[in-house]
Amino acid sequence: MFGGTLAGCAGGEEAPAESGSKQEAPAESAPAAEPAAADIDFADWDAVLEAAKGQTVSWYGWGGDEARNNWINTVLAPALKEKYDVTLELVGMDINDILTQLSGEMQAGVEEGSIDFIWINGENFYSCKENDYLWGPFTDYLPNFNDYIDPESPEVLYDFGSPTEGYECPYGKAQMQMWYDSKAISDPPTTVEAFKTFCEQHKGQVTYPEPGDFVGTAFISCLIAGVIGKEEFEKLSSMSEPTEEAVLEVVQPGLDYLRELNPYLWKEGATFPADSSTVATMYADGELVLNMGYGAPQELVETGQLPESTRSFIFDSGTVGNSNFMAIAANAPHKAAALVAINEVVSPEMQLSIYENLSGISVLDMERLPEEDQQAFADVPLGETQIPLDELLAHRVSEASGPVIPILEKLWLEQVAQA
């Protein structure tokens, strides 16, 4: 998904997209034929670079964010062309259409398909990997992965609870934040105890999207984690075959807390807005004093959709976050070029550019970077709504695994919404 805030969605469902939008690649004359994959020693990076020369590589994913499309076409693509003679073709499609296309080609036995690499995560990654639709493992071939990414990080090892096993390279991180108008609210609640008091003081002016909407599920996860603690909550991130009883044993105190909030929420918790868009509209109209989402609302402030006095905050106990990934199709016709493109995306230069231009949280381990690169990240000027990168990463809680999400939502419905 080529989303503006790198926002991962609960259960691995990519955000809605402008299905079928395709960025035209520059015309080229007589591109050189790539050696057959079997003839390339992918462990030899010089051989990979040589094989990739002159190739056009397709990157499939959500194309609904113009700012990100513009960054890919004006920053990443020119760098790939200039440095490696690789032409990047961005193909914007709904993830379900992408997977239909990939599975159709694989089941038809197409040896060289139309898709090289994909922005993918969660359940979509799991099903593709289980069906042998992905090529790999490949991350060990990438110099920038080996140099700058912590391979033992849980957010690298797992994608919504599914072991990545080198079949995905992380692209960017997203993390929940809460937003408020600093002219109306002088002291935002940064603990779950303070949040409950805040709801009491602003009775009827606080709510959240009904879990099932990925923002709603993420927000209750933040509150549950604040009640039971980060370490306890993160037990949910490694559950691959959870039972309702096992999940309930972990989250019961958090569900009790959420139920206790209900009398102070909008409509006294008798109903909840259906989605995050509805909550956003209610907040913008002044009906609510709090909103939440993956990332800071800096773009909304800059475009005048929210007041300049908008600020962001996170809980001292942390907020949940996830990672987005890139994977290579099993029948990708340009595997070497795909490796080169993915390696460039996770270079310090491109990760810094994503942070500067799109506010995306870097997947790089800052401690592995040279001091000058670490300083470059620290020196990025932030908008008034943005929280410094080091503060976000220090208060980051891994999201529950994909199989846990529907159980958590069911428990919320039974014990909180219908209580």
Protein backbone atom coordinates (compact mmCIF):
# COMPACT_ATOMS: atom_id res chain seq x y z
CA MET A 1 0.00 0.00 0.00
CA PHE A 2 1.36 3.31 -0.96
CA GLY A 3 -0.29 5.04 1.98
CA GLY A 4 0.67 8.51 3.18
CA THR A 5 1.37 7.55 6.79
CA LEU A 6 2.53 3.98 6.32
CA ALA A 7 -0.52 2.98 8.26
CA GLY A 8 -0.86 -0.76 8.76
CA CYS A 9 -4.36 -2.10 9.14
CA ALA A 10 -5.69 -4.61 11.61
CA GLY A 11 -5.80 -8.13 10.28
CA GLY A 12 -3.41 -7.16 7.50
CA GLU A 13 -6.06 -5.56 5.26
CA GLU A 14 -4.56 -2.78 3.20
CA ALA A 15 -6.31 0.56 3.04
CA PRO A 16 -8.87 1.20 0.28
CA ALA A 17 -7.21 2.27 -2.91
CA GLU A 18 -7.86 3.81 -6.25
CA SER A 19 -8.02 0.45 -7.91
CA GLY A 20 -6.21 0.18 -11.19
CA SER A 21 -4.37 3.51 -11.10
CA LYS A 22 -1.07 2.97 -12.85
CA GLN A 23 1.94 5.24 -13.15
CA GLU A 24 3.37 5.04 -16.64
CA ALA A 25 7.05 4.18 -16.84
CA PRO A 26 9.29 6.22 -19.16
CA ALA A 27 9.66 4.69 -22.59
CA GLU A 28 12.92 2.83 -23.14
CA SER A 29 14.52 1.37 -26.19
CA ALA A 30 15.53 -2.27 -26.34
CA PRO A 31 16.08 -3.04 -22.66
CA ALA A 32 18.73 -5.62 -22.03
CA ALA A 33 17.51 -9.10 -21.22
CA GLU A 34 18.02 -10.14 -17.61
CA PRO A 35 19.89 -13.38 -17.02
CA ALA A 36 17.66 -16.21 -15.86
CA ALA A 37 17.26 -16.18 -12.07
CA ALA A 38 18.96 -19.56 -11.89
CA ASP A 39 22.06 -18.01 -13.49
CA ILE A 40 22.41 -15.22 -10.91
CA ASP A 41 24.34 -15.63 -7.69
CA PHE A 42 22.08 -13.45 -5.53
CA ALA A 43 24.57 -13.65 -2.66
CA ASP A 44 27.01 -11.71 -4.87
CA TRP A 45 25.73 -8.12 -4.73
CA ASP A 46 27.91 -7.02 -7.65
CA ALA A 47 26.32 -9.77 -9.75
CA VAL A 48 22.85 -8.59 -8.67
CA LEU A 49 23.66 -4.99 -9.65
CA GLU A 50 24.94 -6.13 -13.02
CA ALA A 51 21.87 -8.28 -13.70
CA ALA A 52 19.55 -5.41 -12.74
CA LYS A 53 21.02 -2.90 -15.18
CA GLY A 54 18.58 -1.70 -17.82
CA GLN A 55 15.59 -3.44 -16.26
CA THR A 56 12.16 -2.03 -15.46
CA VAL A 57 10.88 -3.28 -12.12
CA SER A 58 7.22 -3.08 -11.07
CA TRP A 59 6.19 -2.14 -7.53
CA TYR A 60 2.56 -3.00 -6.78
CA GLY A 61 0.63 -1.54 -3.86
CA TRP A 62 -1.93 0.99 -2.75
CA GLY A 63 -1.75 4.05 -5.00
CA GLY A 64 -4.27 6.29 -3.28
CA ASP A 65 -1.91 8.82 -1.71
CA GLU A 66 -0.59 11.44 -4.10
CA ALA A 67 2.12 12.68 -1.73
CA ARG A 68 3.63 9.21 -1.56
CA ASN A 69 3.22 8.59 -5.27
CA ASN A 70 5.00 11.89 -5.89
CA TRP A 71 7.85 10.92 -3.56
CA ILE A 72 8.29 7.56 -5.28
CA ASN A 73 8.25 9.11 -8.75
CA THR A 74 10.40 12.16 -8.01
CA VAL A 75 12.84 10.90 -5.36
CA LEU A 76 13.12 7.11 -5.34
CA ALA A 77 12.68 6.39 -9.05
CA PRO A 78 15.27 8.96 -10.25
CA ALA A 79 17.78 7.64 -7.71
CA LEU A 80 17.33 4.07 -8.93
CA LYS A 81 17.75 5.17 -12.53
CA GLU A 82 20.80 7.33 -11.90
CA LYS A 83 22.64 4.99 -9.54
CA TYR A 84 21.72 1.58 -10.96
CA ASP A 85 20.08 2.09 -14.38
CA VAL A 86 16.89 0.53 -12.98
CA THR A 87 13.53 1.98 -14.03
CA LEU A 88 10.84 1.82 -11.36
CA GLU A 89 7.23 1.40 -12.48
CA LEU A 90 4.71 2.15 -9.74
CA VAL A 91 1.43 0.28 -10.09
CA GLY A 92 -1.36 1.43 -7.79
CA MET A 93 -4.08 -1.16 -7.16
CA ASP A 94 -6.30 -2.41 -4.37
CA ILE A 95 -4.51 -5.19 -2.51
CA ASN A 96 -7.30 -7.68 -3.26
CA ASP A 97 -6.89 -7.01 -6.98
CA ILE A 98 -3.13 -7.44 -6.66
CA LEU A 99 -3.52 -10.80 -4.93
CA THR A 100 -6.11 -11.93 -7.47
CA GLN A 101 -3.68 -11.09 -10.26
CA LEU A 102 -0.76 -12.81 -8.52
CA SER A 103 -2.69 -15.96 -7.63
CA GLY A 104 -4.20 -16.15 -11.12
CA GLU A 105 -0.78 -16.04 -12.76
CA MET A 106 0.71 -18.51 -10.30
CA GLN A 107 -2.14 -21.00 -10.67
CA ALA A 108 -1.91 -20.70 -14.45
CA GLY A 109 1.77 -21.59 -14.25
CA VAL A 110 3.01 -18.28 -15.67
CA GLU A 111 6.77 -18.47 -15.23
CA GLU A 112 7.36 -14.73 -15.57
CA GLY A 113 4.43 -12.79 -14.17
CA SER A 114 3.56 -9.11 -14.28
CA ILE A 115 4.39 -8.34 -10.63
CA ASP A 116 7.91 -7.91 -9.29
CA PHE A 117 7.47 -6.76 -5.70
CA ILE A 118 4.54 -5.82 -3.50
CA TRP A 119 3.79 -3.63 -0.51
CA ILE A 120 2.03 -6.16 1.69
CA ASN A 121 1.46 -7.18 5.30
CA GLY A 122 -0.52 -9.24 7.76
CA GLU A 123 -2.91 -11.92 6.61
CA ASN A 124 -2.20 -11.16 2.95
CA PHE A 125 1.47 -11.94 3.48
CA TYR A 126 0.62 -15.09 5.44
CA SER A 127 -1.67 -16.47 2.74
CA CYS A 128 0.75 -15.64 -0.09
CA LYS A 129 3.64 -17.27 1.74
CA GLU A 130 1.58 -20.35 2.61
CA ASN A 131 0.58 -20.74 -1.06
CA ASP A 132 4.20 -20.36 -2.28
CA TYR A 133 3.38 -17.15 -4.14
CA LEU A 134 6.46 -15.35 -2.75
CA TRP A 135 10.17 -15.68 -3.55
CA GLY A 136 12.74 -16.00 -0.85
CA PRO A 137 14.17 -15.88 1.64
CA PHE A 138 15.91 -12.81 0.23
CA THR A 139 16.67 -10.32 3.01
CA ASP A 140 20.15 -11.75 3.61
CA TYR A 141 21.04 -10.65 0.07
CA LEU A 142 20.42 -6.96 0.88
CA PRO A 143 23.45 -4.97 2.07
CA ASN A 144 21.35 -2.27 3.70
CA PHE A 145 19.22 -4.83 5.54
CA ASN A 146 22.34 -6.52 6.87
CA ASP A 147 24.03 -3.25 7.85
CA TYR A 148 21.21 -1.13 9.26
CA ILE A 149 18.23 -3.28 10.29
CA ASP A 150 18.03 -5.39 13.44
CA PRO A 151 17.09 -8.87 12.15
CA GLU A 152 16.16 -10.02 15.66
CA SER A 153 13.62 -7.25 16.25
CA PRO A 154 10.14 -8.74 16.77
CA GLU A 155 8.83 -6.24 14.19
CA VAL A 156 11.22 -7.74 11.63
CA LEU A 157 10.81 -11.37 12.62
CA TYR A 158 7.00 -11.25 12.65
CA ASP A 159 4.28 -9.62 10.57
CA PHE A 160 1.07 -9.58 12.64
CA GLY A 161 2.28 -12.75 14.32
CA SER A 162 3.36 -14.55 11.13
CA PRO A 163 7.09 -15.40 10.93
CA THR A 164 8.60 -13.46 8.02
CA GLU A 165 11.54 -15.89 7.62
CA GLY A 166 13.30 -13.55 5.20
CA TYR A 167 10.39 -13.38 2.75
CA GLU A 168 9.68 -9.74 3.62
CA CYS A 169 11.82 -6.66 4.08
CA PRO A 170 10.34 -3.97 6.35
CA TYR A 171 9.48 -0.70 4.62
CA GLY A 172 8.17 1.63 7.31
CA LYS A 173 6.57 1.79 10.71
CA ALA A 174 3.31 3.31 11.90
CA GLN A 175 2.30 4.16 15.46
CA MET A 176 -0.90 5.30 17.12
CA GLN A 177 -1.10 8.89 18.34
CA MET A 178 -3.87 10.98 19.86
CA TRP A 179 -4.72 14.50 18.71
CA TYR A 180 -6.25 17.46 20.53
CA ASP A 181 -6.74 21.22 20.20
CA SER A 182 -4.25 22.88 22.54
CA LYS A 183 -6.44 25.99 22.76
CA ALA A 184 -9.20 23.95 24.35
CA ILE A 185 -7.13 21.31 26.18
CA SER A 186 -4.10 22.43 28.15
CA ASP A 187 -3.11 19.12 29.73
CA PRO A 188 -3.77 15.98 27.63
CA PRO A 189 -4.06 12.67 29.50
CA THR A 190 -0.88 10.62 29.22
CA THR A 191 -1.84 7.71 31.49
CA VAL A 192 -4.87 5.45 31.47
CA GLU A 193 -5.84 6.79 34.90
CA ALA A 194 -5.66 10.35 33.61
CA PHE A 195 -7.59 9.35 30.49
CA LYS A 196 -10.46 8.09 32.59
CA THR A 197 -10.52 11.35 34.53
CA PHE A 198 -10.34 13.25 31.23
CA CYS A 199 -13.42 11.40 29.96
CA GLU A 200 -15.27 12.22 33.17
CA GLN A 201 -14.36 15.91 32.82
CA HIS A 202 -15.43 15.97 29.15
CA LYS A 203 -18.43 13.70 29.45
CA GLY A 204 -19.98 12.87 26.08
CA GLN A 205 -17.10 14.48 24.14
CA VAL A 206 -14.81 11.47 23.88
CA THR A 207 -15.27 8.23 21.93
CA TYR A 208 -13.43 5.93 19.57
CA PRO A 209 -14.29 4.00 16.39
CA GLU A 210 -15.96 0.66 16.92
CA PRO A 211 -13.27 -2.04 16.96
CA GLY A 212 -13.38 -3.79 13.64
CA ASP A 213 -12.28 -0.46 12.25
CA PHE A 214 -8.50 -0.82 12.52
CA VAL A 215 -8.07 2.53 14.32
CA GLY A 216 -10.69 1.52 16.88
CA THR A 217 -9.00 -1.82 17.50
CA ALA A 218 -5.62 -0.13 17.82
CA PHE A 219 -6.94 2.49 20.24
CA ILE A 220 -8.48 -0.02 22.65
CA SER A 221 -5.21 -1.96 22.38
CA CYS A 222 -3.36 1.14 23.62
CA LEU A 223 -5.69 1.44 26.59
CA ILE A 224 -5.54 -2.28 27.40
CA ALA A 225 -1.74 -2.17 27.22
CA GLY A 226 -1.78 0.79 29.59
CA VAL A 227 -3.82 -1.22 32.08
CA ILE A 228 -1.99 -4.55 31.95
CA GLY A 229 1.48 -3.34 30.94
CA LYS A 230 3.52 -3.51 27.74
CA GLU A 231 5.18 -6.86 28.49
CA GLU A 232 1.87 -8.54 29.25
CA PHE A 233 0.14 -7.07 26.20
CA GLU A 234 2.93 -8.10 23.85
CA LYS A 235 2.22 -11.73 24.67
CA LEU A 236 -0.59 -11.23 22.14
CA SER A 237 1.83 -10.35 19.36
CA SER A 238 3.39 -13.82 19.27
CA MET A 239 0.17 -15.86 19.48
CA SER A 240 -0.14 -17.72 16.16
CA GLU A 241 -3.01 -20.04 17.16
CA PRO A 242 -4.76 -18.21 20.01
CA THR A 243 -7.83 -19.38 21.84
CA GLU A 244 -10.45 -17.05 23.23
CA GLU A 245 -9.60 -18.26 26.72
CA ALA A 246 -5.89 -17.49 26.30
CA VAL A 247 -6.57 -13.99 24.99
CA LEU A 248 -9.13 -13.27 27.69
CA GLU A 249 -6.68 -14.31 30.40
CA VAL A 250 -4.31 -11.57 29.18
CA VAL A 251 -6.76 -8.74 28.47
CA GLN A 252 -9.52 -9.13 31.09
CA PRO A 253 -8.38 -6.18 33.29
CA GLY A 254 -8.25 -3.99 30.19
CA LEU A 255 -11.78 -4.97 29.16
CA ASP A 256 -12.99 -4.14 32.66
CA TYR A 257 -11.39 -0.70 32.34
CA LEU A 258 -13.00 -0.07 28.95
CA ARG A 259 -16.39 -1.02 30.35
CA GLU A 260 -15.90 1.45 33.21
CA LEU A 261 -15.26 4.23 30.67
CA ASN A 262 -18.59 3.79 28.91
CA PRO A 263 -20.77 6.09 31.08
CA TYR A 264 -18.49 9.04 30.30
CA LEU A 265 -18.21 8.50 26.52
CA TRP A 266 -20.30 9.86 23.66
CA LYS A 267 -23.86 8.54 23.99
CA GLU A 268 -22.70 6.99 27.28
CA GLY A 269 -21.01 4.17 25.37
CA ALA A 270 -24.36 2.80 24.19
CA THR A 271 -23.07 3.03 20.63
CA PHE A 272 -19.80 3.84 18.92
CA PRO A 273 -18.99 5.53 15.60
CA ALA A 274 -18.69 2.98 12.81
CA ASP A 275 -15.28 4.08 11.57
CA SER A 276 -12.37 6.46 12.03
CA SER A 277 -13.63 8.78 9.29
CA THR A 278 -16.78 9.44 11.33
CA VAL A 279 -14.74 10.17 14.46
CA ALA A 280 -12.51 12.50 12.44
CA THR A 281 -15.53 14.45 11.20
CA MET A 282 -16.98 14.68 14.71
CA TYR A 283 -13.64 15.97 16.00
CA ALA A 284 -13.25 18.50 13.19
CA ASP A 285 -16.80 19.75 13.88
CA GLY A 286 -16.05 20.24 17.58
CA GLU A 287 -18.37 17.48 18.76
CA LEU A 288 -15.39 15.59 20.20
CA VAL A 289 -12.32 16.93 22.01
CA LEU A 290 -10.05 14.04 21.02
CA ASN A 291 -9.17 12.11 17.88
CA MET A 292 -6.65 9.40 17.14
CA GLY A 293 -4.86 7.79 14.23
CA TYR A 294 -1.66 6.24 12.91
CA GLY A 295 0.73 9.18 12.77
CA ALA A 296 0.49 12.90 13.32
CA PRO A 297 -2.17 15.02 11.55
CA GLN A 298 0.42 17.47 10.22
CA GLU A 299 -0.89 17.36 6.65
CA LEU A 300 -4.44 18.06 7.86
CA VAL A 301 -3.17 21.11 9.72
CA GLU A 302 -1.16 22.35 6.75
CA THR A 303 -4.17 22.05 4.45
CA GLY A 304 -6.42 23.87 6.92
CA GLN A 305 -8.62 20.89 7.75
CA LEU A 306 -7.58 21.11 11.39
CA PRO A 307 -6.58 24.19 13.42
CA GLU A 308 -2.93 25.16 13.80
CA SER A 309 -3.32 24.62 17.53
CA THR A 310 -3.69 20.85 16.97
CA ARG A 311 -1.14 18.80 18.89
CA SER A 312 -0.37 15.10 19.33
CA PHE A 313 0.41 13.01 22.39
CA ILE A 314 0.97 9.39 23.37
CA PHE A 315 0.47 7.48 26.60
CA ASP A 316 3.43 7.07 28.93
CA SER A 317 2.69 3.34 28.82
CA GLY A 318 3.09 3.41 25.04
CA THR A 319 0.95 3.12 21.94
CA VAL A 320 0.70 0.23 19.52
CA GLY A 321 2.54 0.20 16.24
CA ASN A 322 3.17 -2.10 13.32
CA SER A 323 5.42 -2.41 10.32
CA ASN A 324 4.76 -2.54 6.61
CA PHE A 325 6.78 -4.82 4.36
CA MET A 326 7.91 -5.46 0.81
CA ALA A 327 7.81 -8.96 -0.69
CA ILE A 328 8.89 -10.35 -4.07
CA ALA A 329 6.53 -12.43 -6.21
CA ALA A 330 7.63 -16.02 -6.76
CA ASN A 331 7.40 -15.55 -10.53
CA ALA A 332 8.80 -12.01 -10.58
CA PRO A 333 10.50 -11.50 -13.95
CA HIS A 334 13.07 -9.05 -12.55
CA LYS A 335 14.19 -10.42 -9.21
CA ALA A 336 17.60 -8.76 -9.32
CA ALA A 337 16.07 -5.34 -10.02
CA ALA A 338 13.52 -5.95 -7.25
CA LEU A 339 16.36 -6.61 -4.81
CA VAL A 340 18.11 -3.42 -5.89
CA ALA A 341 14.95 -1.35 -5.50
CA ILE A 342 14.10 -2.81 -2.08
CA ASN A 343 17.67 -2.33 -0.91
CA GLU A 344 17.50 1.33 -1.94
CA VAL A 345 14.20 1.89 -0.10
CA VAL A 346 15.86 0.81 3.16
CA SER A 347 19.01 2.85 2.60
CA PRO A 348 19.69 5.57 5.21
CA GLU A 349 19.25 8.19 2.47
CA MET A 350 15.77 7.03 1.43
CA GLN A 351 14.58 6.29 4.95
CA LEU A 352 15.62 9.81 5.94
CA SER A 353 13.79 11.22 2.93
CA ILE A 354 10.63 9.29 3.89
CA TYR A 355 10.89 10.72 7.40
CA GLU A 356 11.44 14.25 6.10
CA ASN A 357 8.78 14.25 3.41
CA LEU A 358 6.14 11.77 4.56
CA SER A 359 6.66 11.62 8.34
CA GLY A 360 7.20 7.88 8.05
CA ILE A 361 8.90 6.18 10.99
CA SER A 362 12.15 4.57 9.88
CA VAL A 363 12.69 0.81 10.01
CA LEU A 364 16.42 1.31 10.55
CA ASP A 365 18.11 0.61 13.87
CA MET A 366 19.43 4.07 14.71
CA GLU A 367 22.29 2.63 16.75
CA ARG A 368 23.62 0.86 13.65
CA LEU A 369 23.83 4.08 11.65
CA PRO A 370 26.98 6.21 11.40
CA GLU A 371 26.86 9.20 13.75
CA GLU A 372 26.29 11.65 10.91
CA ASP A 373 23.21 9.71 9.76
CA GLN A 374 21.85 9.50 13.29
CA GLN A 375 22.28 13.25 13.58
CA ALA A 376 20.57 13.81 10.24
CA PHE A 377 17.45 12.07 11.57
CA ALA A 378 17.63 14.06 14.81
CA ASP A 379 17.95 17.33 12.88
CA VAL A 380 14.81 16.89 10.78
CA PRO A 381 12.52 19.84 11.60
CA LEU A 382 9.16 18.64 12.88
CA GLY A 383 5.75 20.21 12.50
CA GLU A 384 3.88 21.32 15.60
CA THR A 385 1.81 18.13 15.63
CA GLN A 386 4.74 15.73 15.29
CA ILE A 387 6.36 13.79 18.11
CA PRO A 388 10.14 13.21 17.89
CA LEU A 389 11.17 9.84 16.49
CA ASP A 390 13.13 8.77 19.55
CA GLU A 391 10.16 9.49 21.82
CA LEU A 392 7.82 7.44 19.63
CA LEU A 393 10.17 4.48 19.44
CA ALA A 394 10.75 4.57 23.20
CA HIS A 395 6.98 4.26 23.74
CA ARG A 396 6.17 1.65 21.13
CA VAL A 397 4.07 -1.45 21.83
CA SER A 398 3.86 -4.29 19.32
CA GLU A 399 0.34 -4.90 18.04
CA ALA A 400 -1.53 -8.13 18.65
CA SER A 401 -1.04 -10.82 16.02
CA GLY A 402 -3.47 -11.15 13.15
CA PRO A 403 -5.25 -14.22 14.61
CA VAL A 404 -5.71 -12.41 17.95
CA ILE A 405 -7.39 -9.34 16.42
CA PRO A 406 -10.84 -10.87 15.70
CA ILE A 407 -10.88 -12.51 19.13
CA LEU A 408 -10.07 -9.18 20.80
CA GLU A 409 -12.83 -7.48 18.81
CA LYS A 410 -15.31 -10.20 19.77
CA LEU A 411 -14.42 -9.88 23.44
CA TRP A 412 -14.84 -6.10 23.26
CA LEU A 413 -18.26 -6.51 21.67
CA GLU A 414 -19.43 -8.96 24.32
CA GLN A 415 -17.87 -7.42 27.43
CA VAL A 416 -17.78 -3.69 26.61
CA ALA A 417 -20.29 -2.73 23.91
CA GLN A 418 -23.04 -5.06 25.05
CA ALA A 419 -22.37 -4.85 28.78
